Amino acid sequence: MDAIPSDTTIEAARKQFEILRRLGPEARLKIAFELSDNLRSLVEAGVRQRHPDFDEQRVQQEVLRLMIGDELFQEVIKETGDRL
């Protein structure tokens, strides 16, 4: 169990993994998508708070940059121009 957060006991992590194993693949996938959506929302809120002057397009560009990294973001910009 290498993926146990430092604020979680081993017993709590075991229980969580047990529950996740009982869920079917569709339920686990749904949870994964919800977590991804939640992360994107948090990143977007952070960008908006740090850059209140950004318009919607610039906010979405910055969210994308933060989520995929600078190197891949620069490749996307090179391919698409500024049209994301």
PDB file of N, CA and C in Angstrom:
ATOM      1  N   MET A   1       0.832  -1.195   0.000  1.00  0.00           N
ATOM      2  CA  MET A   1       0.000   0.000   0.000  1.00  0.00           C
ATOM      3  C   MET A   1       0.874   1.256   0.000  1.00  0.00           C
ATOM      4  N   ASP A   2       1.522   1.486  -1.106  1.00  0.00           N
ATOM      5  CA  ASP A   2       2.432   2.625  -1.221  1.00  0.00           C
ATOM      6  C   ASP A   2       1.712   3.951  -1.354  1.00  0.00           C
ATOM      7  N   ALA A   3       0.443   3.925  -1.769  1.00  0.00           N
ATOM      8  CA  ALA A   3      -0.277   5.151  -2.096  1.00  0.00           C
ATOM      9  C   ALA A   3      -1.112   5.666  -0.933  1.00  0.00           C
ATOM     10  N   ILE A   4      -0.701   5.401   0.289  1.00  0.00           N
ATOM     11  CA  ILE A   4      -1.474   5.856   1.451  1.00  0.00           C
ATOM     12  C   ILE A   4      -1.028   7.272   1.822  1.00  0.00           C
ATOM     13  N   PRO A   5      -1.960   8.216   1.829  1.00  0.00           N
ATOM     14  CA  PRO A   5      -1.604   9.583   2.236  1.00  0.00           C
ATOM     15  C   PRO A   5      -1.114   9.602   3.688  1.00  0.00           C
ATOM     16  N   SER A   6      -0.271  10.556   4.002  1.00  0.00           N
ATOM     17  CA  SER A   6       0.325  10.621   5.339  1.00  0.00           C
ATOM     18  C   SER A   6      -0.705  10.891   6.435  1.00  0.00           C
ATOM     19  N   ASP A   7      -1.869  11.429   6.073  1.00  0.00           N
ATOM     20  CA  ASP A   7      -2.890  11.716   7.087  1.00  0.00           C
ATOM     21  C   ASP A   7      -3.939  10.608   7.192  1.00  0.00           C
ATOM     22  N   THR A   8      -3.637   9.426   6.630  1.00  0.00           N
ATOM     23  CA  THR A   8      -4.579   8.306   6.629  1.00  0.00           C
ATOM     24  C   THR A   8      -3.941   7.100   7.309  1.00  0.00           C
ATOM     25  N   THR A   9      -4.687   6.493   8.219  1.00  0.00           N
ATOM     26  CA  THR A   9      -4.164   5.297   8.872  1.00  0.00           C
ATOM     27  C   THR A   9      -4.209   4.126   7.894  1.00  0.00           C
ATOM     28  N   ILE A  10      -3.395   3.124   8.165  1.00  0.00           N
ATOM     29  CA  ILE A  10      -3.371   1.931   7.319  1.00  0.00           C
ATOM     30  C   ILE A  10      -4.737   1.257   7.335  1.00  0.00           C
ATOM     31  N   GLU A  11      -5.377   1.193   8.490  1.00  0.00           N
ATOM     32  CA  GLU A  11      -6.687   0.558   8.579  1.00  0.00           C
ATOM     33  C   GLU A  11      -7.724   1.312   7.746  1.00  0.00           C
ATOM     34  N   ALA A  12      -7.704   2.627   7.804  1.00  0.00           N
ATOM     35  CA  ALA A  12      -8.644   3.424   7.005  1.00  0.00           C
ATOM     36  C   ALA A  12      -8.387   3.215   5.513  1.00  0.00           C
ATOM     37  N   ALA A  13      -7.125   3.171   5.117  1.00  0.00           N
ATOM     38  CA  ALA A  13      -6.783   2.950   3.710  1.00  0.00           C
ATOM     39  C   ALA A  13      -7.241   1.569   3.261  1.00  0.00           C
ATOM     40  N   ARG A  14      -7.035   0.569   4.092  1.00  0.00           N
ATOM     41  CA  ARG A  14      -7.498  -0.787   3.750  1.00  0.00           C
ATOM     42  C   ARG A  14      -9.010  -0.806   3.528  1.00  0.00           C
ATOM     43  N   LYS A  15      -9.740  -0.140   4.410  1.00  0.00           N
ATOM     44  CA  LYS A  15     -11.199  -0.087   4.284  1.00  0.00           C
ATOM     45  C   LYS A  15     -11.593   0.608   2.977  1.00  0.00           C
ATOM     46  N   GLN A  16     -10.923   1.718   2.679  1.00  0.00           N
ATOM     47  CA  GLN A  16     -11.226   2.449   1.442  1.00  0.00           C
ATOM     48  C   GLN A  16     -10.963   1.566   0.221  1.00  0.00           C
ATOM     49  N   PHE A  17      -9.813   0.881   0.193  1.00  0.00           N
ATOM     50  CA  PHE A  17      -9.492   0.008  -0.932  1.00  0.00           C
ATOM     51  C   PHE A  17     -10.488  -1.146  -1.034  1.00  0.00           C
ATOM     52  N   GLU A  18     -10.921  -1.660   0.094  1.00  0.00           N
ATOM     53  CA  GLU A  18     -11.913  -2.727   0.103  1.00  0.00           C
ATOM     54  C   GLU A  18     -13.219  -2.261  -0.541  1.00  0.00           C
ATOM     55  N   ILE A  19     -13.645  -1.075  -0.174  1.00  0.00           N
ATOM     56  CA  ILE A  19     -14.883  -0.515  -0.751  1.00  0.00           C
ATOM     57  C   ILE A  19     -14.716  -0.281  -2.254  1.00  0.00           C
ATOM     58  N   LEU A  20     -13.577   0.266  -2.648  1.00  0.00           N
ATOM     59  CA  LEU A  20     -13.335   0.526  -4.072  1.00  0.00           C
ATOM     60  C   LEU A  20     -13.301  -0.771  -4.875  1.00  0.00           C
ATOM     61  N   ARG A  21     -12.728  -1.831  -4.300  1.00  0.00           N
ATOM     62  CA  ARG A  21     -12.690  -3.122  -5.000  1.00  0.00           C
ATOM     63  C   ARG A  21     -14.091  -3.685  -5.213  1.00  0.00           C
ATOM     64  N   ARG A  22     -14.994  -3.424  -4.274  1.00  0.00           N
ATOM     65  CA  ARG A  22     -16.364  -3.931  -4.397  1.00  0.00           C
ATOM     66  C   ARG A  22     -17.160  -3.189  -5.463  1.00  0.00           C
ATOM     67  N   LEU A  23     -16.765  -1.980  -5.762  1.00  0.00           N
ATOM     68  CA  LEU A  23     -17.450  -1.226  -6.809  1.00  0.00           C
ATOM     69  C   LEU A  23     -17.105  -1.831  -8.168  1.00  0.00           C
ATOM     70  N   GLY A  24     -18.013  -1.745  -9.073  1.00  0.00           N
ATOM     71  CA  GLY A  24     -17.730  -2.219 -10.423  1.00  0.00           C
ATOM     72  C   GLY A  24     -16.882  -1.210 -11.178  1.00  0.00           C
ATOM     73  N   PRO A  25     -16.398  -1.618 -12.340  1.00  0.00           N
ATOM     74  CA  PRO A  25     -15.559  -0.721 -13.137  1.00  0.00           C
ATOM     75  C   PRO A  25     -16.272   0.583 -13.507  1.00  0.00           C
ATOM     76  N   GLU A  26     -17.570   0.515 -13.793  1.00  0.00           N
ATOM     77  CA  GLU A  26     -18.293   1.735 -14.167  1.00  0.00           C
ATOM     78  C   GLU A  26     -18.343   2.721 -13.008  1.00  0.00           C
ATOM     79  N   ALA A  27     -18.569   2.227 -11.800  1.00  0.00           N
ATOM     80  CA  ALA A  27     -18.632   3.109 -10.633  1.00  0.00           C
ATOM     81  C   ALA A  27     -17.258   3.726 -10.343  1.00  0.00           C
ATOM     82  N   ARG A  28     -16.201   2.912 -10.485  1.00  0.00           N
ATOM     83  CA  ARG A  28     -14.847   3.453 -10.263  1.00  0.00           C
ATOM     84  C   ARG A  28     -14.504   4.496 -11.319  1.00  0.00           C
ATOM     85  N   LEU A  29     -14.909   4.242 -12.562  1.00  0.00           N
ATOM     86  CA  LEU A  29     -14.658   5.212 -13.631  1.00  0.00           C
ATOM     87  C   LEU A  29     -15.419   6.509 -13.376  1.00  0.00           C
ATOM     88  N   LYS A  30     -16.659   6.381 -12.922  1.00  0.00           N
ATOM     89  CA  LYS A  30     -17.457   7.568 -12.594  1.00  0.00           C
ATOM     90  C   LYS A  30     -16.772   8.394 -11.503  1.00  0.00           C
ATOM     91  N   ILE A  31     -16.259   7.734 -10.481  1.00  0.00           N
ATOM     92  CA  ILE A  31     -15.536   8.428  -9.401  1.00  0.00           C
ATOM     93  C   ILE A  31     -14.306   9.124  -9.968  1.00  0.00           C
ATOM     94  N   ALA A  32     -13.575   8.438 -10.841  1.00  0.00           N
ATOM     95  CA  ALA A  32     -12.370   9.032 -11.433  1.00  0.00           C
ATOM     96  C   ALA A  32     -12.710  10.293 -12.223  1.00  0.00           C
ATOM     97  N   PHE A  33     -13.788  10.239 -13.026  1.00  0.00           N
ATOM     98  CA  PHE A  33     -14.197  11.420 -13.788  1.00  0.00           C
ATOM     99  C   PHE A  33     -14.628  12.555 -12.867  1.00  0.00           C
ATOM    100  N   GLU A  34     -15.340  12.230 -11.795  1.00  0.00           N
ATOM    101  CA  GLU A  34     -15.767  13.259 -10.836  1.00  0.00           C
ATOM    102  C   GLU A  34     -14.561  13.907 -10.171  1.00  0.00           C
ATOM    103  N   LEU A  35     -13.568  13.095  -9.795  1.00  0.00           N
ATOM    104  CA  LEU A  35     -12.354  13.649  -9.189  1.00  0.00           C
ATOM    105  C   LEU A  35     -11.619  14.550 -10.169  1.00  0.00           C
ATOM    106  N   SER A  36     -11.566  14.135 -11.430  1.00  0.00           N
ATOM    107  CA  SER A  36     -10.917  14.945 -12.453  1.00  0.00           C
ATOM    108  C   SER A  36     -11.646  16.276 -12.637  1.00  0.00           C
ATOM    109  N   ASP A  37     -12.969  16.222 -12.696  1.00  0.00           N
ATOM    110  CA  ASP A  37     -13.765  17.453 -12.821  1.00  0.00           C
ATOM    111  C   ASP A  37     -13.554  18.366 -11.627  1.00  0.00           C
ATOM    112  N   ASN A  38     -13.501  17.775 -10.429  1.00  0.00           N
ATOM    113  CA  ASN A  38     -13.289  18.566  -9.218  1.00  0.00           C
ATOM    114  C   ASN A  38     -11.921  19.230  -9.234  1.00  0.00           C
ATOM    115  N   LEU A  39     -10.900  18.489  -9.657  1.00  0.00           N
ATOM    116  CA  LEU A  39      -9.558  19.056  -9.741  1.00  0.00           C
ATOM    117  C   LEU A  39      -9.531  20.220 -10.728  1.00  0.00           C
ATOM    118  N   ARG A  40     -10.140  20.033 -11.895  1.00  0.00           N
ATOM    119  CA  ARG A  40     -10.159  21.102 -12.886  1.00  0.00           C
ATOM    120  C   ARG A  40     -10.863  22.346 -12.340  1.00  0.00           C
ATOM    121  N   SER A  41     -11.953  22.145 -11.609  1.00  0.00           N
ATOM    122  CA  SER A  41     -12.676  23.275 -11.013  1.00  0.00           C
ATOM    123  C   SER A  41     -11.811  24.012  -9.998  1.00  0.00           C
ATOM    124  N   LEU A  42     -11.062  23.261  -9.201  1.00  0.00           N
ATOM    125  CA  LEU A  42     -10.173  23.889  -8.219  1.00  0.00           C
ATOM    126  C   LEU A  42      -9.054  24.668  -8.898  1.00  0.00           C
ATOM    127  N   VAL A  43      -8.470  24.074  -9.938  1.00  0.00           N
ATOM    128  CA  VAL A  43      -7.410  24.765 -10.679  1.00  0.00           C
ATOM    129  C   VAL A  43      -7.964  26.043 -11.310  1.00  0.00           C
ATOM    130  N   GLU A  44      -9.143  25.941 -11.906  1.00  0.00           N
ATOM    131  CA  GLU A  44      -9.771  27.109 -12.534  1.00  0.00           C
ATOM    132  C   GLU A  44     -10.043  28.206 -11.504  1.00  0.00           C
ATOM    133  N   ALA A  45     -10.547  27.840 -10.342  1.00  0.00           N
ATOM    134  CA  ALA A  45     -10.809  28.834  -9.292  1.00  0.00           C
ATOM    135  C   ALA A  45      -9.511  29.507  -8.849  1.00  0.00           C
ATOM    136  N   GLY A  46      -8.445  28.733  -8.757  1.00  0.00           N
ATOM    137  CA  GLY A  46      -7.146  29.303  -8.389  1.00  0.00           C
ATOM    138  C   GLY A  46      -6.645  30.280  -9.431  1.00  0.00           C
ATOM    139  N   VAL A  47      -6.799  29.930 -10.702  1.00  0.00           N
ATOM    140  CA  VAL A  47      -6.374  30.827 -11.787  1.00  0.00           C
ATOM    141  C   VAL A  47      -7.184  32.115 -11.729  1.00  0.00           C
ATOM    142  N   ARG A  48      -8.483  31.992 -11.556  1.00  0.00           N
ATOM    143  CA  ARG A  48      -9.338  33.192 -11.491  1.00  0.00           C
ATOM    144  C   ARG A  48      -8.959  34.082 -10.303  1.00  0.00           C
ATOM    145  N   GLN A  49      -8.625  33.461  -9.190  1.00  0.00           N
ATOM    146  CA  GLN A  49      -8.258  34.247  -8.005  1.00  0.00           C
ATOM    147  C   GLN A  49      -6.917  34.957  -8.204  1.00  0.00           C
ATOM    148  N   ARG A  50      -5.956  34.251  -8.809  1.00  0.00           N
ATOM    149  CA  ARG A  50      -4.633  34.844  -9.019  1.00  0.00           C
ATOM    150  C   ARG A  50      -4.611  35.846 -10.166  1.00  0.00           C
ATOM    151  N   HIS A  51      -5.533  35.680 -11.127  1.00  0.00           N
ATOM    152  CA  HIS A  51      -5.522  36.530 -12.325  1.00  0.00           C
ATOM    153  C   HIS A  51      -6.929  37.047 -12.637  1.00  0.00           C
ATOM    154  N   PRO A  52      -7.457  37.938 -11.821  1.00  0.00           N
ATOM    155  CA  PRO A  52      -8.819  38.434 -12.050  1.00  0.00           C
ATOM    156  C   PRO A  52      -8.956  39.200 -13.371  1.00  0.00           C
ATOM    157  N   ASP A  53      -7.837  39.601 -13.963  1.00  0.00           N
ATOM    158  CA  ASP A  53      -7.864  40.336 -15.217  1.00  0.00           C
ATOM    159  C   ASP A  53      -7.959  39.426 -16.445  1.00  0.00           C
ATOM    160  N   PHE A  54      -7.801  38.105 -16.279  1.00  0.00           N
ATOM    161  CA  PHE A  54      -7.857  37.189 -17.414  1.00  0.00           C
ATOM    162  C   PHE A  54      -9.284  37.076 -17.939  1.00  0.00           C
ATOM    163  N   ASP A  55      -9.419  37.074 -19.273  1.00  0.00           N
ATOM    164  CA  ASP A  55     -10.734  36.774 -19.856  1.00  0.00           C
ATOM    165  C   ASP A  55     -10.926  35.251 -19.852  1.00  0.00           C
ATOM    166  N   GLU A  56     -12.103  34.801 -20.271  1.00  0.00           N
ATOM    167  CA  GLU A  56     -12.437  33.370 -20.188  1.00  0.00           C
ATOM    168  C   GLU A  56     -11.462  32.499 -20.987  1.00  0.00           C
ATOM    169  N   GLN A  57     -11.098  32.945 -22.194  1.00  0.00           N
ATOM    170  CA  GLN A  57     -10.163  32.167 -23.009  1.00  0.00           C
ATOM    171  C   GLN A  57      -8.820  32.028 -22.315  1.00  0.00           C
ATOM    172  N   ARG A  58      -8.343  33.127 -21.746  1.00  0.00           N
ATOM    173  CA  ARG A  58      -7.033  33.093 -21.073  1.00  0.00           C
ATOM    174  C   ARG A  58      -7.091  32.207 -19.827  1.00  0.00           C
ATOM    175  N   VAL A  59      -8.204  32.230 -19.097  1.00  0.00           N
ATOM    176  CA  VAL A  59      -8.364  31.357 -17.931  1.00  0.00           C
ATOM    177  C   VAL A  59      -8.254  29.903 -18.379  1.00  0.00           C
ATOM    178  N   GLN A  60      -8.977  29.540 -19.446  1.00  0.00           N
ATOM    179  CA  GLN A  60      -8.962  28.156 -19.915  1.00  0.00           C
ATOM    180  C   GLN A  60      -7.576  27.744 -20.421  1.00  0.00           C
ATOM    181  N   GLN A  61      -6.864  28.665 -21.069  1.00  0.00           N
ATOM    182  CA  GLN A  61      -5.500  28.379 -21.509  1.00  0.00           C
ATOM    183  C   GLN A  61      -4.592  28.110 -20.310  1.00  0.00           C
ATOM    184  N   GLU A  62      -4.719  28.925 -19.285  1.00  0.00           N
ATOM    185  CA  GLU A  62      -3.866  28.756 -18.100  1.00  0.00           C
ATOM    186  C   GLU A  62      -4.198  27.461 -17.365  1.00  0.00           C
ATOM    187  N   VAL A  63      -5.474  27.123 -17.287  1.00  0.00           N
ATOM    188  CA  VAL A  63      -5.870  25.851 -16.666  1.00  0.00           C
ATOM    189  C   VAL A  63      -5.240  24.698 -17.447  1.00  0.00           C
ATOM    190  N   LEU A  64      -5.340  24.742 -18.757  1.00  0.00           N
ATOM    191  CA  LEU A  64      -4.755  23.696 -19.587  1.00  0.00           C
ATOM    192  C   LEU A  64      -3.246  23.616 -19.364  1.00  0.00           C
ATOM    193  N   ARG A  65      -2.576  24.756 -19.343  1.00  0.00           N
ATOM    194  CA  ARG A  65      -1.120  24.775 -19.142  1.00  0.00           C
ATOM    195  C   ARG A  65      -0.746  24.136 -17.811  1.00  0.00           C
ATOM    196  N   LEU A  66      -1.491  24.477 -16.777  1.00  0.00           N
ATOM    197  CA  LEU A  66      -1.199  23.923 -15.454  1.00  0.00           C
ATOM    198  C   LEU A  66      -1.455  22.421 -15.397  1.00  0.00           C
ATOM    199  N   MET A  67      -2.433  21.969 -16.148  1.00  0.00           N
ATOM    200  CA  MET A  67      -2.793  20.548 -16.062  1.00  0.00           C
ATOM    201  C   MET A  67      -1.941  19.647 -16.965  1.00  0.00           C
ATOM    202  N   ILE A  68      -1.439  20.179 -18.082  1.00  0.00           N
ATOM    203  CA  ILE A  68      -0.649  19.320 -18.975  1.00  0.00           C
ATOM    204  C   ILE A  68       0.840  19.652 -18.948  1.00  0.00           C
ATOM    205  N   GLY A  69       1.215  20.739 -18.308  1.00  0.00           N
ATOM    206  CA  GLY A  69       2.621  21.102 -18.218  1.00  0.00           C
ATOM    207  C   GLY A  69       3.049  22.045 -19.323  1.00  0.00           C
ATOM    208  N   ASP A  70       4.131  22.764 -19.059  1.00  0.00           N
ATOM    209  CA  ASP A  70       4.609  23.790 -19.990  1.00  0.00           C
ATOM    210  C   ASP A  70       5.043  23.219 -21.340  1.00  0.00           C
ATOM    211  N   GLU A  71       5.773  22.110 -21.317  1.00  0.00           N
ATOM    212  CA  GLU A  71       6.316  21.580 -22.566  1.00  0.00           C
ATOM    213  C   GLU A  71       5.210  21.175 -23.538  1.00  0.00           C
ATOM    214  N   LEU A  72       4.265  20.394 -23.070  1.00  0.00           N
ATOM    215  CA  LEU A  72       3.163  19.974 -23.939  1.00  0.00           C
ATOM    216  C   LEU A  72       2.294  21.169 -24.325  1.00  0.00           C
ATOM    217  N   PHE A  73       2.084  22.089 -23.383  1.00  0.00           N
ATOM    218  CA  PHE A  73       1.282  23.282 -23.683  1.00  0.00           C
ATOM    219  C   PHE A  73       1.911  24.077 -24.819  1.00  0.00           C
ATOM    220  N   GLN A  74       3.241  24.245 -24.785  1.00  0.00           N
ATOM    221  CA  GLN A  74       3.927  24.994 -25.846  1.00  0.00           C
ATOM    222  C   GLN A  74       3.769  24.305 -27.201  1.00  0.00           C
ATOM    223  N   GLU A  75       3.789  22.972 -27.210  1.00  0.00           N
ATOM    224  CA  GLU A  75       3.571  22.242 -28.468  1.00  0.00           C
ATOM    225  C   GLU A  75       2.164  22.484 -28.994  1.00  0.00           C
ATOM    226  N   VAL A  76       1.179  22.475 -28.089  1.00  0.00           N
ATOM    227  CA  VAL A  76      -0.207  22.718 -28.501  1.00  0.00           C
ATOM    228  C   VAL A  76      -0.338  24.121 -29.076  1.00  0.00           C
ATOM    229  N   ILE A  77       0.238  25.094 -28.402  1.00  0.00           N
ATOM    230  CA  ILE A  77       0.174  26.491 -28.874  1.00  0.00           C
ATOM    231  C   ILE A  77       0.838  26.610 -30.246  1.00  0.00           C
ATOM    232  N   LYS A  78       1.968  25.930 -30.413  1.00  0.00           N
ATOM    233  CA  LYS A  78       2.680  25.979 -31.697  1.00  0.00           C
ATOM    234  C   LYS A  78       1.792  25.416 -32.823  1.00  0.00           C
ATOM    235  N   GLU A  79       1.073  24.346 -32.533  1.00  0.00           N
ATOM    236  CA  GLU A  79       0.221  23.691 -33.535  1.00  0.00           C
ATOM    237  C   GLU A  79      -1.060  24.462 -33.818  1.00  0.00           C
ATOM    238  N   THR A  80      -1.615  25.084 -32.793  1.00  0.00           N
ATOM    239  CA  THR A  80      -2.940  25.699 -32.949  1.00  0.00           C
ATOM    240  C   THR A  80      -2.903  27.208 -33.030  1.00  0.00           C
ATOM    241  N   GLY A  81      -1.731  27.789 -32.847  1.00  0.00           N
ATOM    242  CA  GLY A  81      -1.677  29.243 -32.691  1.00  0.00           C
ATOM    243  C   GLY A  81      -2.219  29.551 -31.325  1.00  0.00           C
ATOM    244  N   ASP A  82      -3.082  30.519 -31.212  1.00  0.00           N
ATOM    245  CA  ASP A  82      -3.698  30.833 -29.915  1.00  0.00           C
ATOM    246  C   ASP A  82      -5.130  30.309 -29.842  1.00  0.00           C
ATOM    247  N   ARG A  83      -5.505  29.463 -30.797  1.00  0.00           N
ATOM    248  CA  ARG A  83      -6.881  28.988 -30.892  1.00  0.00           C
ATOM    249  C   ARG A  83      -7.054  27.687 -30.110  1.00  0.00           C
ATOM    250  N   LEU A  84      -7.258  27.776 -28.839  1.00  0.00           N
ATOM    251  CA  LEU A  84      -7.455  26.561 -28.030  1.00  0.00           C
ATOM    252  C   LEU A  84      -8.905  26.312 -27.780  1.00  0.00           C
TER     253      LEU A  84
END
